[in-house]
Amino acid sequence: AGHSPQVKAFVTQDIPLYHNLEMKHLPGADPELVLLGHRYEELQRVPLSDMTREEINQLVQELGFYRKETPDAPVPEEFQFAPAKPLPILLHPQVPTTDGKTPPKSDKEEHPDL
């Protein structure tokens, strides 16, 4: 599968500018943008092959990734953990685990001053 020049340009030139955006490249596979949550769970995959470089950039910014002026530019405080806004999560809702974790106990003892 030949990668479109658009996608290639995005991967080589744009990805280094985005904070917390990583491209995992699978040899022979069509390029996909895989969005990971804070715990590195997979949120969604976006196939990039039919998108233009401009569309991909727009998408990534809509997802809340911060685009730096240069790869080494500092990232503003509020974007350190960007994507800055919650991403749509396409996984199944988390089922509460019943593995005997202790329920949160009232913390009156620990904070007598509250």
Protein backbone atom coordinates (compact mmCIF):
# COMPACT_ATOMS: atom_id res chain seq x y z
CA ALA A 1 0.00 0.00 0.00
CA GLY A 2 1.56 3.28 -1.06
CA HIS A 3 1.13 6.04 1.49
CA SER A 4 -0.21 9.26 0.09
CA PRO A 5 2.30 12.11 0.03
CA GLN A 6 -0.20 14.05 2.14
CA VAL A 7 -0.07 11.57 4.97
CA LYS A 8 3.66 11.21 4.67
CA ALA A 9 4.10 14.98 4.96
CA PHE A 10 1.91 15.03 8.02
CA VAL A 11 3.78 12.19 9.67
CA THR A 12 7.23 13.58 9.01
CA GLN A 13 6.59 17.31 9.37
CA ASP A 14 3.54 17.83 11.53
CA ILE A 15 3.59 15.08 14.12
CA PRO A 16 6.82 16.37 15.76
CA LEU A 17 4.98 19.65 16.40
CA TYR A 18 2.17 18.08 18.37
CA HIS A 19 2.58 17.58 22.07
CA ASN A 20 1.69 14.05 23.24
CA LEU A 21 0.87 12.86 19.75
CA GLU A 22 2.59 9.69 18.66
CA MET A 23 2.41 7.80 15.45
CA LYS A 24 3.03 4.10 15.64
CA HIS A 25 4.04 2.88 12.25
CA LEU A 26 3.16 -0.66 11.27
CA PRO A 27 5.09 -1.76 8.22
CA GLY A 28 2.75 -2.40 5.31
CA ALA A 29 -0.30 -1.18 7.18
CA ASP A 30 -2.29 1.87 6.23
CA PRO A 31 -1.38 4.71 8.54
CA GLU A 32 -3.85 5.11 11.35
CA LEU A 33 -3.98 7.68 14.08
CA VAL A 34 -4.54 5.79 17.31
CA LEU A 35 -5.73 7.95 20.17
CA LEU A 36 -4.72 6.83 23.61
CA GLY A 37 -6.26 7.93 26.87
CA HIS A 38 -4.39 8.85 30.01
CA ARG A 39 -4.01 5.19 30.96
CA TYR A 40 -2.84 4.32 27.46
CA GLU A 41 -6.11 2.62 26.65
CA GLU A 42 -7.03 2.91 23.02
CA LEU A 43 -9.79 5.44 22.46
CA GLN A 44 -10.23 5.38 18.73
CA ARG A 45 -8.46 4.78 15.47
CA VAL A 46 -8.61 7.13 12.56
CA PRO A 47 -7.52 5.78 9.19
CA LEU A 48 -5.47 8.51 7.55
CA SER A 49 -5.03 7.12 4.07
CA ASP A 50 -7.88 9.03 2.42
CA MET A 51 -7.36 12.31 4.27
CA THR A 52 -5.36 15.31 3.12
CA ARG A 53 -2.63 16.72 5.29
CA GLU A 54 -4.82 19.71 6.04
CA GLU A 55 -7.73 17.51 7.14
CA ILE A 56 -5.49 15.48 9.41
CA ASN A 57 -4.10 18.62 11.04
CA GLN A 58 -7.59 19.97 11.54
CA LEU A 59 -8.74 16.69 13.05
CA VAL A 60 -5.83 16.49 15.44
CA GLN A 61 -6.38 20.05 16.62
CA GLU A 62 -10.10 19.44 17.07
CA LEU A 63 -9.17 16.53 19.29
CA GLY A 64 -7.39 19.02 21.50
CA PHE A 65 -3.75 18.34 20.71
CA TYR A 66 -1.49 21.34 21.07
CA ARG A 67 0.50 22.30 18.01
CA LYS A 68 3.86 23.92 18.73
CA GLU A 69 5.54 26.47 16.48
CA THR A 70 8.67 24.32 16.32
CA PRO A 71 9.34 20.79 17.62
CA ASP A 72 11.40 22.24 20.49
CA ALA A 73 9.07 25.05 21.46
CA PRO A 74 7.95 24.97 25.09
CA VAL A 75 4.43 23.73 25.77
CA PRO A 76 2.20 26.07 27.80
CA GLU A 77 1.31 24.82 31.26
CA GLU A 78 -2.34 24.18 30.45
CA PHE A 79 -1.38 21.96 27.53
CA GLN A 80 1.15 19.80 29.36
CA PHE A 81 -1.39 17.00 29.54
CA ALA A 82 -3.15 17.84 26.31
CA PRO A 83 -5.29 16.81 24.51
CA ALA A 84 -6.81 19.61 26.54
CA LYS A 85 -10.40 18.51 26.24
CA PRO A 86 -11.82 15.08 26.92
CA LEU A 87 -11.80 12.87 23.86
CA PRO A 88 -14.85 10.96 22.76
CA ILE A 89 -14.36 7.50 24.16
CA LEU A 90 -15.64 4.78 21.91
CA LEU A 91 -15.00 1.90 24.26
CA HIS A 92 -17.58 0.16 26.38
CA PRO A 93 -18.41 1.97 29.59
CA GLN A 94 -16.19 0.86 32.42
CA VAL A 95 -17.80 -1.87 34.48
CA PRO A 96 -17.24 -1.27 38.19
CA THR A 97 -14.89 -3.95 39.40
CA THR A 98 -15.94 -6.05 42.36
CA ASP A 99 -12.54 -7.39 43.23
CA GLY A 100 -12.74 -6.65 46.92
CA LYS A 101 -11.17 -3.21 46.82
CA THR A 102 -11.84 -1.48 50.09
CA PRO A 103 -14.62 1.08 49.74
CA PRO A 104 -13.51 4.63 50.48
CA LYS A 105 -13.92 4.98 54.22
CA SER A 106 -15.01 8.23 55.76
CA ASP A 107 -11.89 10.22 56.43
CA LYS A 108 -13.05 11.98 59.56
CA GLU A 109 -10.25 10.37 61.56
CA GLU A 110 -7.52 11.61 59.22
CA HIS A 111 -8.73 15.20 59.11
CA PRO A 112 -9.89 16.30 62.55
CA ASP A 113 -9.45 19.90 61.46
CA LEU A 114 -12.11 19.86 58.73
